[in-house]
Amino acid sequence: MPQRRLSLLDQCISTADALLKTVAGGTAAERPSPASGHSDADLSESERRHVAGLMRVNHSGEVCAQALYQGQALTARQPRVREDMQQAAREEIDHLRWCEERLQELGSHTSALNPAWYGISFALGALAGAIGDRVSLGFVAATEERVSNHLRDHLKQLPEDDRKSQLILQQMLVDEERHGEHALAAGGAEFPRPVKDAMSAVATLMTSSSYRL
């Protein structure tokens, strides 16, 4: 049976629902956390604060990813691209919940700036989708490249015995790299270096703010 095409009102309601579930929680992870079954490390207070800051940054990054995918799905021209964006968003819900769980274990919190990051990212995603699917997919690839770089850097910063955080970030890195490769294989444009550098500058602002707030 063909899938019913959603009206603009349906899409807006779906988008609002996605925003609430992303920022306030409400959608369970489909996969168990890679950290499940592992005992927590005996971290010092300074180590715990640092790890919490890193996990808060990664959680905010996943909020941005959800918003980007939802915005791109809203304005995507080809149904196949829209479905790909929605599928990627569903997969990355796992990352969102894993980071939330780890923050709770560390006695910390998610970023107070997440609603703002969601709104900005949604607008960027919708704009990219409106320009065209090739640009939209290229934006996914370039974003995932930035995210993967952050994850590699964070893995180096984690305490050696914090196995739980390491396992979460390692699995996130595998997923992010796969999403980026898939976007390029689906026809995404390879963005020029100046555009990627500008995206990195914006990402740096987000990470430095979310680490503290």
C-alpha atoms as a PDB file:
ATOM      1  CA  MET A   1       0.000   0.000   0.000  1.00  0.00           C
ATOM      2  CA  PRO A   2       1.490   3.420  -0.938  1.00  0.00           C
ATOM      3  CA  GLN A   3       2.397   5.693   1.935  1.00  0.00           C
ATOM      4  CA  ARG A   4      -0.031   8.558   2.465  1.00  0.00           C
ATOM      5  CA  ARG A   5       1.481  11.926   1.620  1.00  0.00           C
ATOM      6  CA  LEU A   6       1.387  14.158   4.665  1.00  0.00           C
ATOM      7  CA  SER A   7      -0.229  17.578   4.410  1.00  0.00           C
ATOM      8  CA  LEU A   8       1.676  20.682   5.501  1.00  0.00           C
ATOM      9  CA  LEU A   9      -0.317  20.700   8.763  1.00  0.00           C
ATOM     10  CA  ASP A  10       0.520  17.024   9.371  1.00  0.00           C
ATOM     11  CA  GLN A  11       4.206  17.745   8.774  1.00  0.00           C
ATOM     12  CA  CYS A  12       4.156  20.720  11.145  1.00  0.00           C
ATOM     13  CA  ILE A  13       2.502  18.636  13.873  1.00  0.00           C
ATOM     14  CA  SER A  14       5.040  15.859  13.306  1.00  0.00           C
ATOM     15  CA  THR A  15       7.879  18.380  13.514  1.00  0.00           C
ATOM     16  CA  ALA A  16       6.545  19.876  16.755  1.00  0.00           C
ATOM     17  CA  ASP A  17       6.238  16.377  18.217  1.00  0.00           C
ATOM     18  CA  ALA A  18       9.823  15.594  17.200  1.00  0.00           C
ATOM     19  CA  LEU A  19      11.044  18.812  18.858  1.00  0.00           C
ATOM     20  CA  LEU A  20       9.357  17.964  22.167  1.00  0.00           C
ATOM     21  CA  LYS A  21      10.630  14.388  22.138  1.00  0.00           C
ATOM     22  CA  THR A  22      14.153  15.516  21.284  1.00  0.00           C
ATOM     23  CA  VAL A  23      14.484  18.285  23.849  1.00  0.00           C
ATOM     24  CA  ALA A  24      12.309  16.870  26.647  1.00  0.00           C
ATOM     25  CA  GLY A  25      12.734  13.138  26.031  1.00  0.00           C
ATOM     26  CA  GLY A  26       9.976  10.665  25.275  1.00  0.00           C
ATOM     27  CA  THR A  27      11.367   8.322  22.624  1.00  0.00           C
ATOM     28  CA  ALA A  28      13.222   5.255  23.852  1.00  0.00           C
ATOM     29  CA  ALA A  29      16.422   4.017  22.239  1.00  0.00           C
ATOM     30  CA  GLU A  30      15.999   1.020  19.943  1.00  0.00           C
ATOM     31  CA  ARG A  31      19.437  -0.351  20.823  1.00  0.00           C
ATOM     32  CA  PRO A  32      20.753  -0.827  24.343  1.00  0.00           C
ATOM     33  CA  SER A  33      23.554   1.470  25.377  1.00  0.00           C
ATOM     34  CA  PRO A  34      27.025   0.086  24.541  1.00  0.00           C
ATOM     35  CA  ALA A  35      27.886   0.906  28.163  1.00  0.00           C
ATOM     36  CA  SER A  36      25.253  -1.476  29.570  1.00  0.00           C
ATOM     37  CA  GLY A  37      26.707  -4.120  31.837  1.00  0.00           C
ATOM     38  CA  HIS A  38      29.973  -2.275  32.434  1.00  0.00           C
ATOM     39  CA  SER A  39      30.912  -0.936  35.841  1.00  0.00           C
ATOM     40  CA  ASP A  40      31.624   2.743  36.285  1.00  0.00           C
ATOM     41  CA  ALA A  41      35.154   4.036  36.727  1.00  0.00           C
ATOM     42  CA  ASP A  42      36.312   5.607  39.975  1.00  0.00           C
ATOM     43  CA  LEU A  43      36.632   9.137  38.623  1.00  0.00           C
ATOM     44  CA  SER A  44      37.922  12.123  40.548  1.00  0.00           C
ATOM     45  CA  GLU A  45      35.602  15.108  40.842  1.00  0.00           C
ATOM     46  CA  SER A  46      37.506  17.048  38.162  1.00  0.00           C
ATOM     47  CA  GLU A  47      37.442  14.040  35.824  1.00  0.00           C
ATOM     48  CA  ARG A  48      33.726  13.573  36.394  1.00  0.00           C
ATOM     49  CA  ARG A  49      33.021  17.228  35.578  1.00  0.00           C
ATOM     50  CA  HIS A  50      35.133  17.026  32.426  1.00  0.00           C
ATOM     51  CA  VAL A  51      33.503  13.810  31.203  1.00  0.00           C
ATOM     52  CA  ALA A  52      30.069  15.290  31.924  1.00  0.00           C
ATOM     53  CA  GLY A  53      30.999  18.362  29.888  1.00  0.00           C
ATOM     54  CA  LEU A  54      32.064  16.190  26.953  1.00  0.00           C
ATOM     55  CA  MET A  55      28.916  14.074  27.111  1.00  0.00           C
ATOM     56  CA  ARG A  56      26.787  17.225  27.348  1.00  0.00           C
ATOM     57  CA  VAL A  57      28.444  18.508  24.164  1.00  0.00           C
ATOM     58  CA  ASN A  58      27.753  15.217  22.407  1.00  0.00           C
ATOM     59  CA  HIS A  59      24.145  15.247  23.580  1.00  0.00           C
ATOM     60  CA  SER A  60      23.719  18.772  22.183  1.00  0.00           C
ATOM     61  CA  GLY A  61      25.272  17.581  18.944  1.00  0.00           C
ATOM     62  CA  GLU A  62      22.615  14.885  18.707  1.00  0.00           C
ATOM     63  CA  VAL A  63      19.888  17.459  19.374  1.00  0.00           C
ATOM     64  CA  CYS A  64      21.289  19.422  16.430  1.00  0.00           C
ATOM     65  CA  ALA A  65      21.393  16.273  14.300  1.00  0.00           C
ATOM     66  CA  GLN A  66      17.733  15.531  15.028  1.00  0.00           C
ATOM     67  CA  ALA A  67      16.785  19.085  14.105  1.00  0.00           C
ATOM     68  CA  LEU A  68      18.825  19.027  10.892  1.00  0.00           C
ATOM     69  CA  TYR A  69      17.284  15.774   9.743  1.00  0.00           C
ATOM     70  CA  GLN A  70      13.756  16.898  10.614  1.00  0.00           C
ATOM     71  CA  GLY A  71      14.233  20.204   8.798  1.00  0.00           C
ATOM     72  CA  GLN A  72      15.697  18.485   5.755  1.00  0.00           C
ATOM     73  CA  ALA A  73      12.928  15.889   5.690  1.00  0.00           C
ATOM     74  CA  LEU A  74      10.329  18.679   5.753  1.00  0.00           C
ATOM     75  CA  THR A  75      11.688  20.339   2.603  1.00  0.00           C
ATOM     76  CA  ALA A  76      13.205  17.353   0.759  1.00  0.00           C
ATOM     77  CA  ARG A  77      11.981  17.079  -2.821  1.00  0.00           C
ATOM     78  CA  GLN A  78      12.356  13.359  -3.382  1.00  0.00           C
ATOM     79  CA  PRO A  79      10.422  10.918  -1.150  1.00  0.00           C
ATOM     80  CA  ARG A  80      13.490   8.649  -1.020  1.00  0.00           C
ATOM     81  CA  VAL A  81      15.627  11.443   0.422  1.00  0.00           C
ATOM     82  CA  ARG A  82      12.898  12.332   2.927  1.00  0.00           C
ATOM     83  CA  GLU A  83      12.701   8.733   4.080  1.00  0.00           C
ATOM     84  CA  ASP A  84      16.495   8.532   4.371  1.00  0.00           C
ATOM     85  CA  MET A  85      16.547  11.638   6.573  1.00  0.00           C
ATOM     86  CA  GLN A  86      13.789  10.295   8.795  1.00  0.00           C
ATOM     87  CA  GLN A  87      15.530   6.930   9.115  1.00  0.00           C
ATOM     88  CA  ALA A  88      18.825   8.578  10.070  1.00  0.00           C
ATOM     89  CA  ALA A  89      17.002  10.661  12.686  1.00  0.00           C
ATOM     90  CA  ARG A  90      15.465   7.510  14.185  1.00  0.00           C
ATOM     91  CA  GLU A  91      18.864   5.818  14.373  1.00  0.00           C
ATOM     92  CA  GLU A  92      20.443   8.794  16.093  1.00  0.00           C
ATOM     93  CA  ILE A  93      17.736   8.830  18.773  1.00  0.00           C
ATOM     94  CA  ASP A  94      19.842   6.045  20.278  1.00  0.00           C
ATOM     95  CA  HIS A  95      22.798   8.428  20.608  1.00  0.00           C
ATOM     96  CA  LEU A  96      20.604  11.017  22.278  1.00  0.00           C
ATOM     97  CA  ARG A  97      19.340   8.593  24.918  1.00  0.00           C
ATOM     98  CA  TRP A  98      22.762   7.007  25.538  1.00  0.00           C
ATOM     99  CA  CYS A  99      24.240  10.442  26.250  1.00  0.00           C
ATOM    100  CA  GLU A 100      21.318  11.320  28.540  1.00  0.00           C
ATOM    101  CA  GLU A 101      21.788   8.098  30.511  1.00  0.00           C
ATOM    102  CA  ARG A 102      25.507   8.706  30.878  1.00  0.00           C
ATOM    103  CA  LEU A 103      24.931  12.273  32.066  1.00  0.00           C
ATOM    104  CA  GLN A 104      22.505  11.000  34.696  1.00  0.00           C
ATOM    105  CA  GLU A 105      25.076   8.458  35.876  1.00  0.00           C
ATOM    106  CA  LEU A 106      27.618  11.256  36.175  1.00  0.00           C
ATOM    107  CA  GLY A 107      25.173  13.316  38.231  1.00  0.00           C
ATOM    108  CA  SER A 108      25.001  16.014  35.570  1.00  0.00           C
ATOM    109  CA  HIS A 109      22.482  17.542  33.166  1.00  0.00           C
ATOM    110  CA  THR A 110      21.817  18.242  29.511  1.00  0.00           C
ATOM    111  CA  SER A 111      22.510  21.695  28.078  1.00  0.00           C
ATOM    112  CA  ALA A 112      20.077  24.513  28.831  1.00  0.00           C
ATOM    113  CA  LEU A 113      20.836  25.810  25.325  1.00  0.00           C
ATOM    114  CA  ASN A 114      19.375  22.782  23.531  1.00  0.00           C
ATOM    115  CA  PRO A 115      16.107  24.476  22.475  1.00  0.00           C
ATOM    116  CA  ALA A 116      18.130  27.232  20.785  1.00  0.00           C
ATOM    117  CA  TRP A 117      20.427  24.717  19.066  1.00  0.00           C
ATOM    118  CA  TYR A 118      17.387  22.802  17.854  1.00  0.00           C
ATOM    119  CA  GLY A 119      15.763  25.900  16.350  1.00  0.00           C
ATOM    120  CA  ILE A 120      18.933  27.050  14.579  1.00  0.00           C
ATOM    121  CA  SER A 121      19.714  23.581  13.251  1.00  0.00           C
ATOM    122  CA  PHE A 122      16.162  22.988  12.067  1.00  0.00           C
ATOM    123  CA  ALA A 123      16.233  26.225  10.093  1.00  0.00           C
ATOM    124  CA  LEU A 124      19.577  25.309   8.500  1.00  0.00           C
ATOM    125  CA  GLY A 125      18.301  21.840   7.625  1.00  0.00           C
ATOM    126  CA  ALA A 126      15.104  23.188   6.090  1.00  0.00           C
ATOM    127  CA  LEU A 127      17.096  25.732   4.065  1.00  0.00           C
ATOM    128  CA  ALA A 128      19.469  23.057   2.774  1.00  0.00           C
ATOM    129  CA  GLY A 129      16.532  20.854   1.825  1.00  0.00           C
ATOM    130  CA  ALA A 130      14.805  23.733   0.051  1.00  0.00           C
ATOM    131  CA  ILE A 131      17.916  24.458  -2.025  1.00  0.00           C
ATOM    132  CA  GLY A 132      17.969  20.907  -3.304  1.00  0.00           C
ATOM    133  CA  ASP A 133      18.477  17.302  -2.307  1.00  0.00           C
ATOM    134  CA  ARG A 134      22.094  17.221  -3.530  1.00  0.00           C
ATOM    135  CA  VAL A 135      22.986  20.150  -1.270  1.00  0.00           C
ATOM    136  CA  SER A 136      20.928  18.681   1.578  1.00  0.00           C
ATOM    137  CA  LEU A 137      22.738  15.339   1.399  1.00  0.00           C
ATOM    138  CA  GLY A 138      26.069  17.143   1.092  1.00  0.00           C
ATOM    139  CA  PHE A 139      25.223  19.097   4.222  1.00  0.00           C
ATOM    140  CA  VAL A 140      24.614  15.813   6.054  1.00  0.00           C
ATOM    141  CA  ALA A 141      27.976  14.460   4.912  1.00  0.00           C
ATOM    142  CA  ALA A 142      29.840  17.621   5.923  1.00  0.00           C
ATOM    143  CA  THR A 143      28.055  17.737   9.292  1.00  0.00           C
ATOM    144  CA  GLU A 144      28.819  14.101  10.035  1.00  0.00           C
ATOM    145  CA  GLU A 145      32.470  14.748   9.185  1.00  0.00           C
ATOM    146  CA  ARG A 146      32.570  17.546  11.767  1.00  0.00           C
ATOM    147  CA  VAL A 147      30.801  15.375  14.355  1.00  0.00           C
ATOM    148  CA  SER A 148      33.180  12.476  13.740  1.00  0.00           C
ATOM    149  CA  ASN A 149      36.169  14.770  14.277  1.00  0.00           C
ATOM    150  CA  HIS A 150      34.715  15.920  17.613  1.00  0.00           C
ATOM    151  CA  LEU A 151      34.090  12.340  18.707  1.00  0.00           C
ATOM    152  CA  ARG A 152      37.673  11.329  17.934  1.00  0.00           C
ATOM    153  CA  ASP A 153      38.941  14.306  19.919  1.00  0.00           C
ATOM    154  CA  HIS A 154      36.657  13.493  22.856  1.00  0.00           C
ATOM    155  CA  LEU A 155      37.771   9.864  22.882  1.00  0.00           C
ATOM    156  CA  LYS A 156      41.337  11.084  23.351  1.00  0.00           C
ATOM    157  CA  GLN A 157      40.268  13.324  26.244  1.00  0.00           C
ATOM    158  CA  LEU A 158      38.374  10.674  28.220  1.00  0.00           C
ATOM    159  CA  PRO A 159      40.097   9.134  31.249  1.00  0.00           C
ATOM    160  CA  GLU A 160      41.682   5.814  30.313  1.00  0.00           C
ATOM    161  CA  ASP A 161      39.538   3.822  32.748  1.00  0.00           C
ATOM    162  CA  ASP A 162      36.204   5.420  31.775  1.00  0.00           C
ATOM    163  CA  ARG A 163      35.151   2.448  29.673  1.00  0.00           C
ATOM    164  CA  LYS A 164      31.444   3.329  29.705  1.00  0.00           C
ATOM    165  CA  SER A 165      31.904   6.703  28.029  1.00  0.00           C
ATOM    166  CA  GLN A 166      34.442   5.258  25.611  1.00  0.00           C
ATOM    167  CA  LEU A 167      32.061   2.540  24.413  1.00  0.00           C
ATOM    168  CA  ILE A 168      29.259   5.031  23.829  1.00  0.00           C
ATOM    169  CA  LEU A 169      31.410   7.426  21.813  1.00  0.00           C
ATOM    170  CA  GLN A 170      33.016   4.622  19.826  1.00  0.00           C
ATOM    171  CA  GLN A 171      29.633   3.320  18.664  1.00  0.00           C
ATOM    172  CA  MET A 172      28.440   6.845  17.915  1.00  0.00           C
ATOM    173  CA  LEU A 173      31.540   7.379  15.769  1.00  0.00           C
ATOM    174  CA  VAL A 174      30.824   4.218  13.762  1.00  0.00           C
ATOM    175  CA  ASP A 175      27.234   5.338  13.148  1.00  0.00           C
ATOM    176  CA  GLU A 176      28.132   8.928  12.250  1.00  0.00           C
ATOM    177  CA  GLU A 177      30.769   7.872   9.736  1.00  0.00           C
ATOM    178  CA  ARG A 178      28.293   5.481   8.132  1.00  0.00           C
ATOM    179  CA  HIS A 179      25.644   8.202   7.828  1.00  0.00           C
ATOM    180  CA  GLY A 180      28.133  10.556   6.194  1.00  0.00           C
ATOM    181  CA  GLU A 181      29.295   7.931   3.698  1.00  0.00           C
ATOM    182  CA  HIS A 182      25.697   7.032   2.897  1.00  0.00           C
ATOM    183  CA  ALA A 183      24.816  10.680   2.212  1.00  0.00           C
ATOM    184  CA  LEU A 184      27.663  11.058  -0.277  1.00  0.00           C
ATOM    185  CA  ALA A 185      26.840   7.728  -1.933  1.00  0.00           C
ATOM    186  CA  ALA A 186      23.226   8.877  -2.313  1.00  0.00           C
ATOM    187  CA  GLY A 187      24.370  11.853  -4.397  1.00  0.00           C
ATOM    188  CA  GLY A 188      25.387  14.451  -1.843  1.00  0.00           C
ATOM    189  CA  ALA A 189      27.624  17.298  -2.962  1.00  0.00           C
ATOM    190  CA  GLU A 190      31.171  17.457  -1.575  1.00  0.00           C
ATOM    191  CA  PHE A 191      31.332  20.847   0.131  1.00  0.00           C
ATOM    192  CA  PRO A 192      34.421  23.046  -0.472  1.00  0.00           C
ATOM    193  CA  ARG A 193      36.917  23.603   2.336  1.00  0.00           C
ATOM    194  CA  PRO A 194      35.829  27.210   3.154  1.00  0.00           C
ATOM    195  CA  VAL A 195      32.262  26.013   3.777  1.00  0.00           C
ATOM    196  CA  LYS A 196      33.502  23.191   5.989  1.00  0.00           C
ATOM    197  CA  ASP A 197      35.713  25.631   7.899  1.00  0.00           C
ATOM    198  CA  ALA A 198      32.720  27.900   8.519  1.00  0.00           C
ATOM    199  CA  MET A 199      30.720  24.914   9.782  1.00  0.00           C
ATOM    200  CA  SER A 200      33.603  24.026  12.106  1.00  0.00           C
ATOM    201  CA  ALA A 201      33.595  27.559  13.527  1.00  0.00           C
ATOM    202  CA  VAL A 202      29.882  27.316  14.306  1.00  0.00           C
ATOM    203  CA  ALA A 203      30.398  23.872  15.847  1.00  0.00           C
ATOM    204  CA  THR A 204      33.150  25.278  18.076  1.00  0.00           C
ATOM    205  CA  LEU A 205      30.745  27.921  19.408  1.00  0.00           C
ATOM    206  CA  MET A 206      28.175  25.245  20.180  1.00  0.00           C
ATOM    207  CA  THR A 207      30.641  22.933  21.902  1.00  0.00           C
ATOM    208  CA  SER A 208      32.257  25.602  24.054  1.00  0.00           C
ATOM    209  CA  SER A 209      28.841  26.846  25.215  1.00  0.00           C
ATOM    210  CA  SER A 210      27.251  23.428  25.816  1.00  0.00           C
ATOM    211  CA  TYR A 211      30.314  22.180  27.735  1.00  0.00           C
ATOM    212  CA  ARG A 212      29.591  24.747  30.443  1.00  0.00           C
ATOM    213  CA  LEU A 213      25.836  25.236  30.147  1.00  0.00           C
END
